[in-house]
């Protein structure tokens, strides 16, 4: 069985040589170099084929996921980030990025590969979103799910009251599962886009569709497991390694300001 994992990137960066990986320039639509020509990073662009590249400022790596869904036909399709990869190892290094030879024995046996859960410890997903972003975004998402997919509401309420989840919009899944997930996900997000009326947000906060999708991926997965359409034994957790250091001091300080002073996050860490 074959697999293709897109690497969502907006700039030139180190890329693994393994043929399983496809570097994808996300948000390529409307990007130009200093000479006024379309920006060319030497990678496949997400404004080719069927795409939503123009939404990248708000949908982040999801424009890459949409492109992969619509334009790839491998048995397994996945998404990682240029600084964040799956790994069979714990140590963060270029040498430990997941390879096809490491993944191959599980293809056909495992339907979905996810990064190990992220724990928030002292906050639920709902309270963390409420403190760091704008909770009306998540509340309206719940309303839309209740209207369009009412059978998922119980799973939604369970998930947002948990303190851990699969995050980063990273996954590798078989093509049929990907089609099911993306059909559900983008139907909800496009409806959210049509309905939401947010005040002017900075560039960081404007990317909330990507953050909403991180949460509702867990809703979709919870429902699939609950109704036994996806066995938990067909899901495999992998390590997630970061190729650049996270500024934990800056992140911790921003979290405390968000939780106790009402200051929303203003940038990445």
Protein backbone atom coordinates (compact mmCIF):
# COMPACT_ATOMS: atom_id res chain seq x y z
CA UNK A 1 0.00 0.00 0.00
CA UNK A 2 1.23 3.51 -0.72
CA UNK A 3 1.12 6.69 1.34
CA UNK A 4 1.61 10.38 0.71
CA UNK A 5 2.08 12.90 3.50
CA UNK A 6 1.95 16.57 2.62
CA UNK A 7 4.21 18.97 4.50
CA UNK A 8 2.40 22.27 4.95
CA UNK A 9 4.86 25.14 4.59
CA UNK A 10 4.82 28.81 3.67
CA UNK A 11 8.59 29.18 3.27
CA UNK A 12 11.72 27.38 2.12
CA UNK A 13 12.88 24.93 4.78
CA UNK A 14 14.60 21.59 5.30
CA UNK A 15 12.52 18.78 3.84
CA UNK A 16 12.88 14.99 4.27
CA UNK A 17 14.08 13.12 1.21
CA UNK A 18 11.70 10.20 1.73
CA UNK A 19 9.39 9.98 -1.31
CA UNK A 20 6.39 9.55 0.99
CA UNK A 21 6.57 13.28 1.71
CA UNK A 22 5.23 16.02 -0.55
CA UNK A 23 6.20 19.58 0.45
CA UNK A 24 3.19 21.80 -0.22
CA UNK A 25 3.32 25.60 -0.37
CA UNK A 26 0.12 26.54 1.49
CA UNK A 27 -1.41 29.94 0.87
CA UNK A 28 0.33 30.18 -2.49
CA UNK A 29 -2.52 32.13 -4.06
CA UNK A 30 -1.70 35.84 -4.29
CA UNK A 31 1.90 35.48 -3.09
CA UNK A 32 4.57 37.26 -5.15
CA UNK A 33 8.33 37.66 -4.93
CA UNK A 34 10.25 40.95 -4.98
CA UNK A 35 10.12 41.09 -8.79
CA UNK A 36 6.33 40.74 -8.83
CA UNK A 37 6.32 37.16 -10.09
CA UNK A 38 4.30 34.43 -8.34
CA UNK A 39 6.33 33.24 -5.38
CA UNK A 40 8.04 29.94 -6.19
CA UNK A 41 9.52 27.98 -3.30
CA UNK A 42 10.22 24.99 -5.52
CA UNK A 43 7.34 23.05 -3.95
CA UNK A 44 3.91 21.99 -5.19
CA UNK A 45 1.45 24.85 -4.60
CA UNK A 46 -1.95 24.59 -2.94
CA UNK A 47 -3.51 26.88 -5.58
CA UNK A 48 -3.29 24.12 -8.20
CA UNK A 49 -6.07 21.66 -8.98
CA UNK A 50 -9.20 21.94 -6.86
CA UNK A 51 -8.28 24.21 -3.97
CA UNK A 52 -9.17 26.84 -1.35
CA UNK A 53 -5.72 28.45 -1.27
CA UNK A 54 -7.18 31.96 -0.98
CA UNK A 55 -8.58 31.06 2.45
CA UNK A 56 -5.15 30.27 3.94
CA UNK A 57 -4.94 33.45 6.04
CA UNK A 58 -7.88 32.09 8.02
CA UNK A 59 -7.77 28.32 7.46
CA UNK A 60 -3.97 27.85 7.88
CA UNK A 61 -2.80 24.32 7.05
CA UNK A 62 -6.37 23.28 6.27
CA UNK A 63 -5.93 24.65 2.75
CA UNK A 64 -3.27 21.96 2.43
CA UNK A 65 -5.58 19.29 3.83
CA UNK A 66 -8.30 20.34 1.37
CA UNK A 67 -5.81 20.20 -1.51
CA UNK A 68 -4.63 16.72 -0.50
CA UNK A 69 -8.22 15.50 -0.16
CA UNK A 70 -9.18 16.75 -3.61
CA UNK A 71 -5.99 16.08 -5.56
CA UNK A 72 -4.24 12.99 -4.17
CA UNK A 73 -5.30 9.38 -4.66
CA UNK A 74 -2.87 7.34 -2.55
CA UNK A 75 -4.11 4.59 -0.22
CA UNK A 76 -3.12 6.71 2.80
CA UNK A 77 -2.92 10.49 2.95
CA UNK A 78 -1.50 12.58 5.78
CA UNK A 79 -0.65 16.09 6.92
CA UNK A 80 2.34 17.34 8.91
CA UNK A 81 3.99 20.75 9.30
CA UNK A 82 7.41 21.91 8.17
CA UNK A 83 8.57 22.15 11.79
CA UNK A 84 6.46 19.34 13.26
CA UNK A 85 6.51 15.67 12.25
CA UNK A 86 5.41 12.21 13.27
CA UNK A 87 8.10 9.95 14.65
CA UNK A 88 8.61 6.47 16.06
CA UNK A 89 11.16 8.06 18.39
CA UNK A 90 10.97 10.65 21.17
CA UNK A 91 14.04 12.72 20.40
CA UNK A 92 13.35 15.74 18.19
CA UNK A 93 15.79 15.61 15.29
CA UNK A 94 15.75 15.52 11.51
CA UNK A 95 16.99 11.92 11.62
CA UNK A 96 13.96 10.79 13.61
CA UNK A 97 11.26 11.97 11.20
CA UNK A 98 8.90 9.08 10.37
CA UNK A 99 9.88 7.16 7.24
CA UNK A 100 7.80 5.10 4.84
CA UNK A 101 9.68 1.94 5.85
CA UNK A 102 8.66 2.55 9.48
CA UNK A 103 5.04 3.23 8.53
CA UNK A 104 4.62 0.48 5.91
CA UNK A 105 4.12 -2.51 8.28
CA UNK A 106 1.03 -0.80 9.77
CA UNK A 107 -0.68 0.14 6.51
CA UNK A 108 -3.81 -1.90 6.03
CA UNK A 109 -3.90 -2.83 9.73
CA UNK A 110 -4.21 0.71 11.13
CA UNK A 111 -6.66 3.14 9.54
CA UNK A 112 -5.73 6.33 11.41
CA UNK A 113 -2.43 7.61 12.81
CA UNK A 114 -2.55 10.54 15.24
CA UNK A 115 -0.06 12.44 17.41
CA UNK A 116 -0.07 11.60 21.09
CA UNK A 117 -2.63 13.63 23.01
CA UNK A 118 -1.77 17.08 24.29
CA UNK A 119 -2.67 17.62 27.95
CA UNK A 120 -3.86 20.96 29.30
CA UNK A 121 -3.92 19.67 32.91
CA UNK A 122 -5.68 22.58 34.65
CA UNK A 123 -8.10 23.57 31.90
CA UNK A 124 -10.66 21.93 29.70
CA UNK A 125 -10.53 22.46 25.95
CA UNK A 126 -13.49 24.80 26.33
CA UNK A 127 -12.04 26.95 29.12
CA UNK A 128 -8.64 27.08 27.41
CA UNK A 129 -10.23 28.31 24.19
CA UNK A 130 -12.35 30.80 26.14
CA UNK A 131 -9.29 32.30 27.82
CA UNK A 132 -6.91 32.35 24.87
CA UNK A 133 -9.22 32.97 21.89
CA UNK A 134 -12.84 34.04 21.31
CA UNK A 135 -15.35 31.52 22.64
CA UNK A 136 -18.20 32.66 20.38
CA UNK A 137 -16.32 30.89 17.55
CA UNK A 138 -16.56 27.56 19.34
CA UNK A 139 -20.12 28.18 20.54
CA UNK A 140 -21.32 28.91 17.01
CA UNK A 141 -19.56 25.77 15.80
CA UNK A 142 -21.59 23.78 18.33
CA UNK A 143 -24.79 25.39 17.04
CA UNK A 144 -23.92 24.43 13.46
CA UNK A 145 -23.08 20.86 14.43
CA UNK A 146 -26.36 20.60 16.35
CA UNK A 147 -28.27 21.72 13.27
CA UNK A 148 -26.41 19.77 10.60
CA UNK A 149 -25.10 16.74 12.52
CA UNK A 150 -27.18 16.47 15.72
CA UNK A 151 -25.92 12.94 16.38
CA UNK A 152 -22.48 14.48 17.11
CA UNK A 153 -23.62 16.84 19.90
CA UNK A 154 -23.04 14.37 22.72
CA UNK A 155 -19.51 13.78 21.44
CA UNK A 156 -18.94 17.54 21.16
CA UNK A 157 -19.94 18.15 24.78
CA UNK A 158 -17.80 15.27 26.01
CA UNK A 159 -14.73 16.45 24.09
CA UNK A 160 -14.79 20.14 25.02
CA UNK A 161 -15.02 19.23 28.70
CA UNK A 162 -11.89 17.09 28.54
CA UNK A 163 -8.39 18.29 29.41
CA UNK A 164 -6.59 16.50 26.59
CA UNK A 165 -6.99 16.04 22.85
CA UNK A 166 -5.28 15.22 19.58
CA UNK A 167 -4.06 18.56 18.30
CA UNK A 168 -2.03 20.21 15.50
CA UNK A 169 -4.32 19.04 12.64
CA UNK A 170 -1.84 16.22 12.10
CA UNK A 171 -3.06 12.82 10.96
CA UNK A 172 -2.47 10.04 8.46
CA UNK A 173 -5.53 8.08 7.39
CA UNK A 174 -6.77 5.80 4.68
CA UNK A 175 -8.41 7.50 1.72
CA UNK A 176 -11.98 6.45 2.58
CA UNK A 177 -11.66 7.75 6.13
CA UNK A 178 -10.12 10.99 4.87
CA UNK A 179 -13.06 11.51 2.53
CA UNK A 180 -15.53 10.97 5.38
CA UNK A 181 -13.68 13.35 7.68
CA UNK A 182 -13.08 16.14 5.18
CA UNK A 183 -16.66 16.04 3.88
CA UNK A 184 -17.88 16.53 7.46
CA UNK A 185 -15.20 19.05 8.50
CA UNK A 186 -15.39 21.46 5.59
CA UNK A 187 -19.16 21.41 5.53
CA UNK A 188 -19.08 22.73 9.11
CA UNK A 189 -16.25 25.22 8.58
CA UNK A 190 -17.73 26.73 5.41
CA UNK A 191 -21.03 27.17 7.24
CA UNK A 192 -19.17 28.81 10.14
CA UNK A 193 -17.48 31.12 7.65
CA UNK A 194 -20.88 32.11 6.23
CA UNK A 195 -22.42 32.86 9.61
CA UNK A 196 -19.76 34.30 11.85
CA UNK A 197 -19.51 38.04 12.34
CA UNK A 198 -16.27 38.73 14.14
CA UNK A 199 -14.69 42.12 14.77
CA UNK A 200 -11.35 42.89 13.17
CA UNK A 201 -8.81 40.37 14.44
CA UNK A 202 -5.05 40.40 14.12
CA UNK A 203 -3.38 37.92 11.77
CA UNK A 204 -2.83 35.37 14.54
CA UNK A 205 -6.38 35.40 15.90
CA UNK A 206 -7.86 35.41 12.38
CA UNK A 207 -6.64 31.84 11.88
CA UNK A 208 -9.34 30.44 14.14
CA UNK A 209 -10.77 27.98 11.61
CA UNK A 210 -7.61 25.92 12.01
CA UNK A 211 -8.00 25.97 15.80
CA UNK A 212 -11.66 25.01 15.65
CA UNK A 213 -10.77 22.07 13.42
CA UNK A 214 -8.21 20.83 15.96
CA UNK A 215 -10.99 20.50 18.51
CA UNK A 216 -13.72 19.10 16.31
CA UNK A 217 -11.39 16.49 14.85
CA UNK A 218 -11.66 14.96 18.32
CA UNK A 219 -15.45 15.30 18.16
CA UNK A 220 -15.56 13.43 14.86
CA UNK A 221 -13.24 10.75 16.20
CA UNK A 222 -15.19 10.38 19.47
CA UNK A 223 -18.39 9.82 17.52
CA UNK A 224 -16.77 7.34 15.14
CA UNK A 225 -15.53 5.27 18.07
CA UNK A 226 -18.81 5.56 19.99
CA UNK A 227 -20.93 4.28 17.11
CA UNK A 228 -18.33 1.61 16.31
CA UNK A 229 -17.73 2.77 12.73
CA UNK A 230 -14.04 3.04 13.63
CA UNK A 231 -12.46 0.65 16.09
CA UNK A 232 -10.03 2.15 18.58
CA UNK A 233 -7.74 -0.75 17.67
CA UNK A 234 -7.48 0.73 14.17
CA UNK A 235 -6.03 3.97 15.60
CA UNK A 236 -2.34 4.34 16.40
CA UNK A 237 -0.70 7.15 18.34
CA UNK A 238 2.73 8.32 17.20
CA UNK A 239 5.20 10.72 18.76
CA UNK A 240 5.09 14.31 17.54
CA UNK A 241 8.51 15.91 17.29
CA UNK A 242 9.24 19.63 16.94
CA UNK A 243 12.25 20.62 14.88
CA UNK A 244 12.48 24.05 16.50
CA UNK A 245 12.44 24.84 20.20
CA UNK A 246 9.21 26.03 21.80
CA UNK A 247 9.55 29.13 23.96
CA UNK A 248 7.88 27.69 27.06
CA UNK A 249 8.57 30.80 29.14
CA UNK A 250 6.83 33.03 26.62
CA UNK A 251 4.01 30.53 26.21
CA UNK A 252 3.50 30.14 29.95
CA UNK A 253 3.50 33.89 30.51
CA UNK A 254 0.94 34.40 27.72
CA UNK A 255 -1.26 31.66 29.18
CA UNK A 256 -1.27 33.24 32.65
CA UNK A 257 -2.14 36.63 31.16
CA UNK A 258 -4.97 35.02 29.19
CA UNK A 259 -6.35 33.09 32.15
CA UNK A 260 -6.12 35.79 34.81
CA UNK A 261 -5.98 39.11 32.93
CA UNK A 262 -8.24 38.46 29.94
CA UNK A 263 -5.47 39.01 27.37
CA UNK A 264 -5.98 36.85 24.30
CA UNK A 265 -3.03 35.18 22.59
CA UNK A 266 -1.37 37.51 20.09
CA UNK A 267 1.13 35.21 18.39
CA UNK A 268 2.80 31.81 18.18
CA UNK A 269 5.45 30.54 20.52
